[in-house]
Amino acid sequence: MSVVIVGGDYLGGIEKNLYSLGVTELVHISGRKALERNKISLPKATAFVLVLTDYVNHGTAQNVKTLAKARSIPVVFAKRSWRAVEEKLKASKYIN
């Protein structure tokens, strides 16, 4: 399963925990630089996009949402803490 994470400079334990849940490829886009915000691309095999809401601006989040919707890729919005991410993933049925 491939996941794209948008937002945050440092993922901390989120990356390790996602790998333990079966993620095989993780692409992280900090979204801080203007070039990164405007040229976000999603790999073909992306299972879902995780947007860390406390580290991206509204325009970046909207851009990611539009790109994902055009390719029918689900988007999960969560704060940058494992507990918040895990809660959102469970609610979205991406993990058990």
C-alpha atoms as a PDB file:
ATOM      1  CA  MET A   1       0.000   0.000   0.000  1.00  0.00           C
ATOM      2  CA  SER A   2       1.381   3.398  -0.976  1.00  0.00           C
ATOM      3  CA  VAL A   3       0.563   6.538   1.007  1.00  0.00           C
ATOM      4  CA  VAL A   4       1.265  10.219   0.365  1.00  0.00           C
ATOM      5  CA  ILE A   5       1.604  12.498   3.390  1.00  0.00           C
ATOM      6  CA  VAL A   6       1.304  16.245   2.885  1.00  0.00           C
ATOM      7  CA  GLY A   7       2.398  18.606   5.648  1.00  0.00           C
ATOM      8  CA  GLY A   8       4.844  18.624   8.512  1.00  0.00           C
ATOM      9  CA  ASP A   9       8.613  18.879   8.329  1.00  0.00           C
ATOM     10  CA  TYR A  10       9.195  15.830  10.496  1.00  0.00           C
ATOM     11  CA  LEU A  11       6.834  12.871  10.746  1.00  0.00           C
ATOM     12  CA  GLY A  12       8.156  11.411  13.975  1.00  0.00           C
ATOM     13  CA  GLY A  13       6.525   8.096  14.888  1.00  0.00           C
ATOM     14  CA  ILE A  14       3.806   8.429  12.260  1.00  0.00           C
ATOM     15  CA  GLU A  15       6.086   7.021   9.569  1.00  0.00           C
ATOM     16  CA  LYS A  16       7.159   4.021  11.668  1.00  0.00           C
ATOM     17  CA  ASN A  17       3.583   3.271  12.723  1.00  0.00           C
ATOM     18  CA  LEU A  18       2.277   3.413   9.148  1.00  0.00           C
ATOM     19  CA  TYR A  19       4.960   0.957   8.020  1.00  0.00           C
ATOM     20  CA  SER A  20       3.944  -1.390  10.846  1.00  0.00           C
ATOM     21  CA  LEU A  21       0.349  -1.263   9.517  1.00  0.00           C
ATOM     22  CA  GLY A  22       1.360  -2.501   6.075  1.00  0.00           C
ATOM     23  CA  VAL A  23       2.371   0.620   4.170  1.00  0.00           C
ATOM     24  CA  THR A  24       5.075  -0.341   1.679  1.00  0.00           C
ATOM     25  CA  GLU A  25       5.804   3.062   0.157  1.00  0.00           C
ATOM     26  CA  LEU A  26       5.506   6.432   1.836  1.00  0.00           C
ATOM     27  CA  VAL A  27       5.918   9.736  -0.015  1.00  0.00           C
ATOM     28  CA  HIS A  28       6.245  12.820   2.180  1.00  0.00           C
ATOM     29  CA  ILE A  29       5.671  16.339   0.840  1.00  0.00           C
ATOM     30  CA  SER A  30       6.245  19.043   3.432  1.00  0.00           C
ATOM     31  CA  GLY A  31       4.238  21.605   1.463  1.00  0.00           C
ATOM     32  CA  ARG A  32       6.264  24.446   2.912  1.00  0.00           C
ATOM     33  CA  LYS A  33       8.067  25.587  -0.236  1.00  0.00           C
ATOM     34  CA  ALA A  34       6.029  27.350  -2.912  1.00  0.00           C
ATOM     35  CA  LEU A  35       7.335  24.987  -5.617  1.00  0.00           C
ATOM     36  CA  GLU A  36       6.225  21.954  -3.621  1.00  0.00           C
ATOM     37  CA  ARG A  37       2.775  23.411  -3.026  1.00  0.00           C
ATOM     38  CA  ASN A  38       2.136  24.144  -6.680  1.00  0.00           C
ATOM     39  CA  LYS A  39       3.613  20.974  -8.166  1.00  0.00           C
ATOM     40  CA  ILE A  40       2.215  18.237  -5.958  1.00  0.00           C
ATOM     41  CA  SER A  41       1.896  14.977  -7.835  1.00  0.00           C
ATOM     42  CA  LEU A  42       0.429  11.719  -6.598  1.00  0.00           C
ATOM     43  CA  PRO A  43       1.993   8.362  -7.561  1.00  0.00           C
ATOM     44  CA  LYS A  44      -0.241   5.926  -9.476  1.00  0.00           C
ATOM     45  CA  ALA A  45      -0.474   3.293  -6.756  1.00  0.00           C
ATOM     46  CA  THR A  46      -1.524   5.696  -3.984  1.00  0.00           C
ATOM     47  CA  ALA A  47      -4.018   4.068  -1.610  1.00  0.00           C
ATOM     48  CA  PHE A  48      -4.866   7.327   0.179  1.00  0.00           C
ATOM     49  CA  VAL A  49      -3.502  10.787   0.904  1.00  0.00           C
ATOM     50  CA  LEU A  50      -2.950  11.916   4.489  1.00  0.00           C
ATOM     51  CA  VAL A  51      -2.999  15.702   4.996  1.00  0.00           C
ATOM     52  CA  LEU A  52      -1.569  16.958   8.290  1.00  0.00           C
ATOM     53  CA  THR A  53      -3.869  19.915   8.813  1.00  0.00           C
ATOM     54  CA  ASP A  54      -1.824  21.808  11.379  1.00  0.00           C
ATOM     55  CA  TYR A  55       1.122  22.110   8.947  1.00  0.00           C
ATOM     56  CA  VAL A  56      -0.441  23.124   5.615  1.00  0.00           C
ATOM     57  CA  ASN A  57      -2.332  26.184   4.542  1.00  0.00           C
ATOM     58  CA  HIS A  58      -5.835  26.116   3.133  1.00  0.00           C
ATOM     59  CA  GLY A  59      -4.708  26.513  -0.483  1.00  0.00           C
ATOM     60  CA  THR A  60      -2.358  23.537  -0.305  1.00  0.00           C
ATOM     61  CA  ALA A  61      -5.027  21.360   1.310  1.00  0.00           C
ATOM     62  CA  GLN A  62      -7.523  22.360  -1.382  1.00  0.00           C
ATOM     63  CA  ASN A  63      -4.980  21.643  -4.142  1.00  0.00           C
ATOM     64  CA  VAL A  64      -4.290  18.156  -2.768  1.00  0.00           C
ATOM     65  CA  LYS A  65      -7.999  17.464  -2.347  1.00  0.00           C
ATOM     66  CA  THR A  66      -8.694  18.473  -5.966  1.00  0.00           C
ATOM     67  CA  LEU A  67      -5.843  16.321  -7.325  1.00  0.00           C
ATOM     68  CA  ALA A  68      -6.938  13.306  -5.301  1.00  0.00           C
ATOM     69  CA  LYS A  69     -10.598  13.692  -6.219  1.00  0.00           C
ATOM     70  CA  ALA A  70      -9.734  13.820  -9.927  1.00  0.00           C
ATOM     71  CA  ARG A  71      -8.053  10.403  -9.578  1.00  0.00           C
ATOM     72  CA  SER A  72     -10.567   8.966  -7.065  1.00  0.00           C
ATOM     73  CA  ILE A  73      -7.971   8.724  -4.303  1.00  0.00           C
ATOM     74  CA  PRO A  74      -9.365   9.076  -0.765  1.00  0.00           C
ATOM     75  CA  VAL A  75      -8.055  11.934   1.388  1.00  0.00           C
ATOM     76  CA  VAL A  76      -7.738  11.790   5.170  1.00  0.00           C
ATOM     77  CA  PHE A  77      -7.295  15.019   7.153  1.00  0.00           C
ATOM     78  CA  ALA A  78      -5.722  14.764  10.623  1.00  0.00           C
ATOM     79  CA  LYS A  79      -3.511  16.630  13.062  1.00  0.00           C
ATOM     80  CA  ARG A  80       0.155  15.649  13.290  1.00  0.00           C
ATOM     81  CA  SER A  81      -0.010  13.151  16.125  1.00  0.00           C
ATOM     82  CA  TRP A  82      -0.190   9.390  15.829  1.00  0.00           C
ATOM     83  CA  ARG A  83      -3.306   9.240  17.979  1.00  0.00           C
ATOM     84  CA  ALA A  84      -5.178  11.679  15.694  1.00  0.00           C
ATOM     85  CA  VAL A  85      -3.953   9.933  12.531  1.00  0.00           C
ATOM     86  CA  GLU A  86      -4.858   6.486  13.855  1.00  0.00           C
ATOM     87  CA  GLU A  87      -8.328   7.683  14.874  1.00  0.00           C
ATOM     88  CA  LYS A  88      -9.022   9.136  11.419  1.00  0.00           C
ATOM     89  CA  LEU A  89      -7.692   6.025   9.641  1.00  0.00           C
ATOM     90  CA  LYS A  90      -9.862   3.746  11.758  1.00  0.00           C
ATOM     91  CA  ALA A  91     -12.900   5.917  11.104  1.00  0.00           C
ATOM     92  CA  SER A  92     -12.153   5.750   7.379  1.00  0.00           C
ATOM     93  CA  LYS A  93     -11.685   1.952   7.573  1.00  0.00           C
ATOM     94  CA  TYR A  94      -8.090   2.042   6.232  1.00  0.00           C
ATOM     95  CA  ILE A  95      -6.845   0.134   9.285  1.00  0.00           C
ATOM     96  CA  ASN A  96      -8.543  -2.261  11.685  1.00  0.00           C
END
